Amino acid sequence: MTYVGKILYVELPNTKSPRLRWIVRKREDGRYIIRTPKIGVLLRDLDKKRDSDYGKETLMPLSAKIVERGTSGSKRRSGSKRSGSKKRRSHKKKSSKKSSKKRNR
């Protein structure tokens, strides 16, 4: 499958979550040249592929994996701490000592 010209999530080494990368071209040896979106560029504007929205061209690491959207992501585990069935406790405000002294006078 050819990924050239597409904006995809890539699992890079030493990162927790997949990152968006624009795959610009493929070298003769089979490695990809990628570009990273600059900070402040909206996700909805990435598909426009403006040159000013992306950084310099870099070589994708050998250990990087291209992720199909939907197969990887943060899935909620069944035994997670936060559950929708538990009620949250509301905290009461504690009255300060100064306010109680003023009332007694």
N, C-alpha and C. Protein backbone atom coordinates (compact mmCIF):
# COMPACT_ATOMS: atom_id res chain seq x y z
N MET A 1 0.85 -1.18 0.00
CA MET A 1 0.00 0.00 0.00
C MET A 1 0.89 1.24 0.00
N THR A 2 0.53 2.20 -0.78
CA THR A 2 1.32 3.42 -0.86
C THR A 2 0.73 4.50 0.04
N TYR A 3 1.59 5.08 0.84
CA TYR A 3 1.17 6.10 1.79
C TYR A 3 1.61 7.49 1.36
N VAL A 4 2.27 7.61 0.23
CA VAL A 4 2.84 8.87 -0.20
C VAL A 4 1.73 9.90 -0.43
N GLY A 5 1.92 11.10 0.13
CA GLY A 5 0.96 12.18 -0.02
C GLY A 5 -0.15 12.17 1.00
N LYS A 6 -0.13 11.25 1.96
CA LYS A 6 -1.18 11.16 2.96
C LYS A 6 -0.70 11.65 4.31
N ILE A 7 -1.64 12.09 5.13
CA ILE A 7 -1.35 12.50 6.50
C ILE A 7 -1.87 11.39 7.40
N LEU A 8 -0.95 10.73 8.10
CA LEU A 8 -1.28 9.56 8.89
C LEU A 8 -0.69 9.65 10.28
N TYR A 9 -1.19 8.79 11.17
CA TYR A 9 -0.60 8.66 12.49
C TYR A 9 0.56 7.68 12.40
N VAL A 10 1.67 8.05 13.03
CA VAL A 10 2.87 7.23 13.02
C VAL A 10 3.30 7.00 14.46
N GLU A 11 3.54 5.73 14.80
CA GLU A 11 4.08 5.41 16.12
C GLU A 11 5.59 5.53 16.04
N LEU A 12 6.12 6.55 16.67
CA LEU A 12 7.55 6.79 16.67
C LEU A 12 8.19 6.16 17.90
N PRO A 13 9.47 5.80 17.84
CA PRO A 13 10.12 5.22 19.01
C PRO A 13 10.20 6.24 20.15
N ASN A 14 10.07 5.74 21.38
CA ASN A 14 10.15 6.54 22.60
C ASN A 14 9.03 7.56 22.73
N THR A 15 7.87 7.30 22.16
CA THR A 15 6.69 8.15 22.37
C THR A 15 5.53 7.27 22.79
N LYS A 16 4.62 7.85 23.57
CA LYS A 16 3.50 7.07 24.09
C LYS A 16 2.37 6.93 23.08
N SER A 17 2.04 8.02 22.42
CA SER A 17 0.89 7.98 21.51
C SER A 17 1.34 8.25 20.08
N PRO A 18 0.58 7.78 19.10
CA PRO A 18 0.92 8.05 17.69
C PRO A 18 0.85 9.54 17.37
N ARG A 19 1.70 9.98 16.46
CA ARG A 19 1.78 11.39 16.08
C ARG A 19 1.42 11.55 14.60
N LEU A 20 0.83 12.70 14.29
CA LEU A 20 0.47 12.98 12.90
C LEU A 20 1.71 13.35 12.10
N ARG A 21 1.83 12.78 10.91
CA ARG A 21 2.93 13.08 10.00
C ARG A 21 2.42 13.07 8.57
N TRP A 22 2.99 13.95 7.75
CA TRP A 22 2.69 14.00 6.33
C TRP A 22 3.80 13.22 5.62
N ILE A 23 3.44 12.16 4.93
CA ILE A 23 4.40 11.35 4.21
C ILE A 23 4.57 11.96 2.83
N VAL A 24 5.73 12.56 2.61
CA VAL A 24 5.98 13.34 1.40
C VAL A 24 6.36 12.44 0.23
N ARG A 25 7.36 11.59 0.43
CA ARG A 25 7.79 10.72 -0.66
C ARG A 25 8.50 9.50 -0.10
N LYS A 26 8.82 8.57 -0.99
CA LYS A 26 9.50 7.33 -0.61
C LYS A 26 10.83 7.26 -1.34
N ARG A 27 11.89 6.92 -0.62
CA ARG A 27 13.21 6.81 -1.23
C ARG A 27 13.34 5.48 -1.98
N GLU A 28 14.44 5.34 -2.71
CA GLU A 28 14.68 4.11 -3.47
C GLU A 28 14.84 2.90 -2.56
N ASP A 29 15.38 3.13 -1.35
CA ASP A 29 15.60 2.03 -0.42
C ASP A 29 14.34 1.68 0.38
N GLY A 30 13.22 2.35 0.13
CA GLY A 30 11.96 2.00 0.77
C GLY A 30 11.62 2.80 2.01
N ARG A 31 12.50 3.71 2.41
CA ARG A 31 12.21 4.53 3.59
C ARG A 31 11.46 5.78 3.19
N TYR A 32 10.64 6.29 4.14
CA TYR A 32 9.78 7.44 3.86
C TYR A 32 10.41 8.75 4.34
N ILE A 33 10.13 9.81 3.61
CA ILE A 33 10.46 11.17 4.01
C ILE A 33 9.18 11.78 4.55
N ILE A 34 9.23 12.30 5.79
CA ILE A 34 8.02 12.83 6.44
C ILE A 34 8.22 14.27 6.87
N ARG A 35 7.11 14.96 7.10
CA ARG A 35 7.12 16.33 7.63
C ARG A 35 6.16 16.40 8.81
N THR A 36 6.56 17.19 9.79
CA THR A 36 5.79 17.34 11.03
C THR A 36 4.99 18.64 10.98
N PRO A 37 3.72 18.63 11.42
CA PRO A 37 2.96 19.89 11.48
C PRO A 37 3.55 20.82 12.54
N LYS A 38 3.54 22.11 12.25
CA LYS A 38 4.03 23.10 13.20
C LYS A 38 3.01 23.29 14.32
N ILE A 39 3.48 23.83 15.43
CA ILE A 39 2.61 24.09 16.57
C ILE A 39 1.63 25.20 16.20
N GLY A 40 0.38 25.02 16.54
CA GLY A 40 -0.63 26.03 16.28
C GLY A 40 -1.45 25.78 15.02
N VAL A 41 -1.09 24.79 14.24
CA VAL A 41 -1.85 24.47 13.03
C VAL A 41 -3.03 23.59 13.45
N LEU A 42 -4.21 23.96 13.03
CA LEU A 42 -5.42 23.22 13.40
C LEU A 42 -5.47 21.88 12.67
N LEU A 43 -6.02 20.88 13.33
CA LEU A 43 -6.12 19.55 12.72
C LEU A 43 -6.95 19.57 11.45
N ARG A 44 -7.97 20.40 11.42
CA ARG A 44 -8.84 20.45 10.25
C ARG A 44 -8.13 21.08 9.04
N ASP A 45 -7.03 21.80 9.29
CA ASP A 45 -6.30 22.45 8.20
C ASP A 45 -5.12 21.63 7.68
N LEU A 46 -4.87 20.47 8.29
CA LEU A 46 -3.71 19.68 7.88
C LEU A 46 -3.86 19.11 6.48
N ASP A 47 -5.08 18.80 6.07
CA ASP A 47 -5.27 18.19 4.75
C ASP A 47 -5.01 19.17 3.61
N LYS A 48 -4.88 20.46 3.92
CA LYS A 48 -4.60 21.45 2.88
C LYS A 48 -3.14 21.37 2.42
N LYS A 49 -2.28 20.79 3.26
CA LYS A 49 -0.87 20.54 2.95
C LYS A 49 -0.15 21.80 2.48
N ARG A 50 -0.36 22.90 3.19
CA ARG A 50 0.37 24.13 2.87
C ARG A 50 1.81 23.99 3.35
N ASP A 51 2.73 24.50 2.57
CA ASP A 51 4.15 24.39 2.90
C ASP A 51 4.46 25.10 4.22
N SER A 52 3.78 26.20 4.50
CA SER A 52 4.04 26.97 5.72
C SER A 52 3.51 26.28 6.98
N ASP A 53 2.64 25.30 6.85
CA ASP A 53 2.06 24.61 8.00
C ASP A 53 2.93 23.46 8.52
N TYR A 54 3.97 23.11 7.78
CA TYR A 54 4.79 21.95 8.14
C TYR A 54 6.25 22.35 8.28
N GLY A 55 6.98 21.57 9.07
CA GLY A 55 8.40 21.79 9.27
C GLY A 55 9.22 21.19 8.13
N LYS A 56 10.51 21.01 8.40
CA LYS A 56 11.42 20.50 7.37
C LYS A 56 11.20 19.01 7.13
N GLU A 57 11.71 18.54 6.02
CA GLU A 57 11.61 17.12 5.68
C GLU A 57 12.63 16.33 6.48
N THR A 58 12.18 15.21 7.05
CA THR A 58 13.07 14.33 7.81
C THR A 58 12.84 12.89 7.38
N LEU A 59 13.79 12.07 7.70
CA LEU A 59 13.70 10.65 7.38
C LEU A 59 12.98 9.93 8.51
N MET A 60 11.97 9.14 8.16
CA MET A 60 11.23 8.40 9.18
C MET A 60 12.12 7.29 9.75
N PRO A 61 12.15 7.12 11.09
CA PRO A 61 12.99 6.09 11.69
C PRO A 61 12.59 4.69 11.23
N LEU A 62 13.56 3.78 11.24
CA LEU A 62 13.30 2.39 10.82
C LEU A 62 12.29 1.71 11.74
N SER A 63 12.32 2.04 13.03
CA SER A 63 11.43 1.37 13.99
C SER A 63 10.05 2.01 14.06
N ALA A 64 9.77 3.03 13.28
CA ALA A 64 8.46 3.68 13.28
C ALA A 64 7.44 2.81 12.56
N LYS A 65 6.19 2.86 13.02
CA LYS A 65 5.12 2.08 12.42
C LYS A 65 3.98 3.00 12.04
N ILE A 66 3.44 2.80 10.85
CA ILE A 66 2.28 3.58 10.40
C ILE A 66 1.03 2.94 10.98
N VAL A 67 0.19 3.77 11.61
CA VAL A 67 -0.99 3.27 12.32
C VAL A 67 -2.23 3.57 11.51
N GLU A 68 -3.06 2.57 11.35
CA GLU A 68 -4.37 2.78 10.74
C GLU A 68 -5.27 3.40 11.80
N ARG A 69 -5.94 4.46 11.47
CA ARG A 69 -6.79 5.15 12.44
C ARG A 69 -7.94 4.25 12.86
N GLY A 70 -8.12 4.06 14.15
CA GLY A 70 -9.20 3.22 14.65
C GLY A 70 -8.70 1.91 15.21
N THR A 71 -7.55 1.42 14.74
CA THR A 71 -7.02 0.19 15.30
C THR A 71 -6.23 0.45 16.56
N SER A 72 -5.64 1.62 16.67
CA SER A 72 -4.87 1.96 17.86
C SER A 72 -5.48 3.22 18.47
N GLY A 73 -5.39 3.32 19.74
CA GLY A 73 -5.92 4.48 20.44
C GLY A 73 -6.11 4.14 21.89
N SER A 74 -6.52 5.12 22.65
CA SER A 74 -6.69 4.87 24.07
C SER A 74 -8.05 4.23 24.30
N LYS A 75 -8.03 2.94 24.56
CA LYS A 75 -9.26 2.23 24.84
C LYS A 75 -9.45 2.18 26.35
N ARG A 76 -10.65 2.38 26.80
CA ARG A 76 -10.93 2.34 28.22
C ARG A 76 -10.99 0.89 28.68
N ARG A 77 -10.26 0.62 29.74
CA ARG A 77 -10.24 -0.74 30.27
C ARG A 77 -11.48 -0.97 31.12
N SER A 78 -11.87 -2.23 31.23
CA SER A 78 -13.10 -2.55 31.96
C SER A 78 -12.96 -2.27 33.44
N GLY A 79 -11.79 -2.36 34.01
CA GLY A 79 -11.60 -2.15 35.44
C GLY A 79 -11.03 -0.79 35.76
N SER A 80 -11.42 0.23 35.01
CA SER A 80 -10.84 1.55 35.25
C SER A 80 -11.38 2.16 36.53
N LYS A 81 -10.63 3.12 37.04
CA LYS A 81 -10.99 3.74 38.33
C LYS A 81 -12.26 4.58 38.21
N ARG A 82 -12.38 5.33 37.11
CA ARG A 82 -13.56 6.18 36.97
C ARG A 82 -14.70 5.40 36.37
N SER A 83 -15.79 5.39 37.06
CA SER A 83 -16.96 4.67 36.58
C SER A 83 -18.15 5.62 36.60
N GLY A 84 -18.99 5.51 35.61
CA GLY A 84 -20.14 6.40 35.52
C GLY A 84 -21.21 6.11 36.56
N SER A 85 -21.19 4.91 37.15
CA SER A 85 -22.23 4.54 38.09
C SER A 85 -21.98 5.11 39.48
N LYS A 86 -20.75 5.44 39.81
CA LYS A 86 -20.45 5.97 41.14
C LYS A 86 -20.80 7.44 41.20
N LYS A 87 -21.35 7.84 42.34
CA LYS A 87 -21.70 9.24 42.53
C LYS A 87 -20.51 9.98 43.08
N ARG A 88 -20.36 11.22 42.67
CA ARG A 88 -19.29 12.05 43.19
C ARG A 88 -19.76 12.75 44.45
N ARG A 89 -18.88 12.87 45.40
CA ARG A 89 -19.21 13.53 46.66
C ARG A 89 -19.07 15.02 46.50
N SER A 90 -19.99 15.75 47.06
CA SER A 90 -19.88 17.20 47.05
C SER A 90 -19.30 17.64 48.38
N HIS A 91 -18.34 18.51 48.32
CA HIS A 91 -17.67 18.98 49.53
C HIS A 91 -18.37 20.21 50.07
N LYS A 92 -18.54 20.25 51.40
CA LYS A 92 -19.14 21.42 52.04
C LYS A 92 -18.05 22.40 52.38
N LYS A 93 -18.39 23.67 52.29
CA LYS A 93 -17.43 24.70 52.64
C LYS A 93 -17.30 24.77 54.15
N LYS A 94 -16.07 24.81 54.60
CA LYS A 94 -15.83 24.93 56.03
C LYS A 94 -15.85 26.41 56.39
N SER A 95 -16.51 26.74 57.48
CA SER A 95 -16.55 28.14 57.90
C SER A 95 -15.25 28.45 58.62
N SER A 96 -14.71 29.60 58.33
CA SER A 96 -13.45 29.99 58.96
C SER A 96 -13.73 30.49 60.37
N LYS A 97 -12.71 30.49 61.21
CA LYS A 97 -12.85 30.91 62.61
C LYS A 97 -13.14 32.40 62.71
N LYS A 98 -12.61 33.18 61.78
CA LYS A 98 -12.83 34.62 61.82
C LYS A 98 -14.30 34.96 61.63
N SER A 99 -14.97 34.28 60.76
CA SER A 99 -16.37 34.60 60.50
C SER A 99 -17.25 34.19 61.68
N SER A 100 -16.88 33.11 62.36
CA SER A 100 -17.68 32.68 63.51
C SER A 100 -17.48 33.62 64.69
N LYS A 101 -16.30 34.21 64.85
CA LYS A 101 -16.05 35.15 65.95
C LYS A 101 -16.84 36.43 65.76
N LYS A 102 -16.95 36.87 64.51
CA LYS A 102 -17.69 38.10 64.23
C LYS A 102 -19.18 37.92 64.57
N ARG A 103 -19.68 36.75 64.38
CA ARG A 103 -21.10 36.51 64.66
C ARG A 103 -21.38 36.53 66.14
N ASN A 104 -20.45 36.07 66.95
CA ASN A 104 -20.64 36.03 68.39
C ASN A 104 -20.60 37.39 69.03
N ARG A 105 -19.98 38.36 68.45
CA ARG A 105 -19.87 39.68 69.05
C ARG A 105 -21.09 40.47 68.93
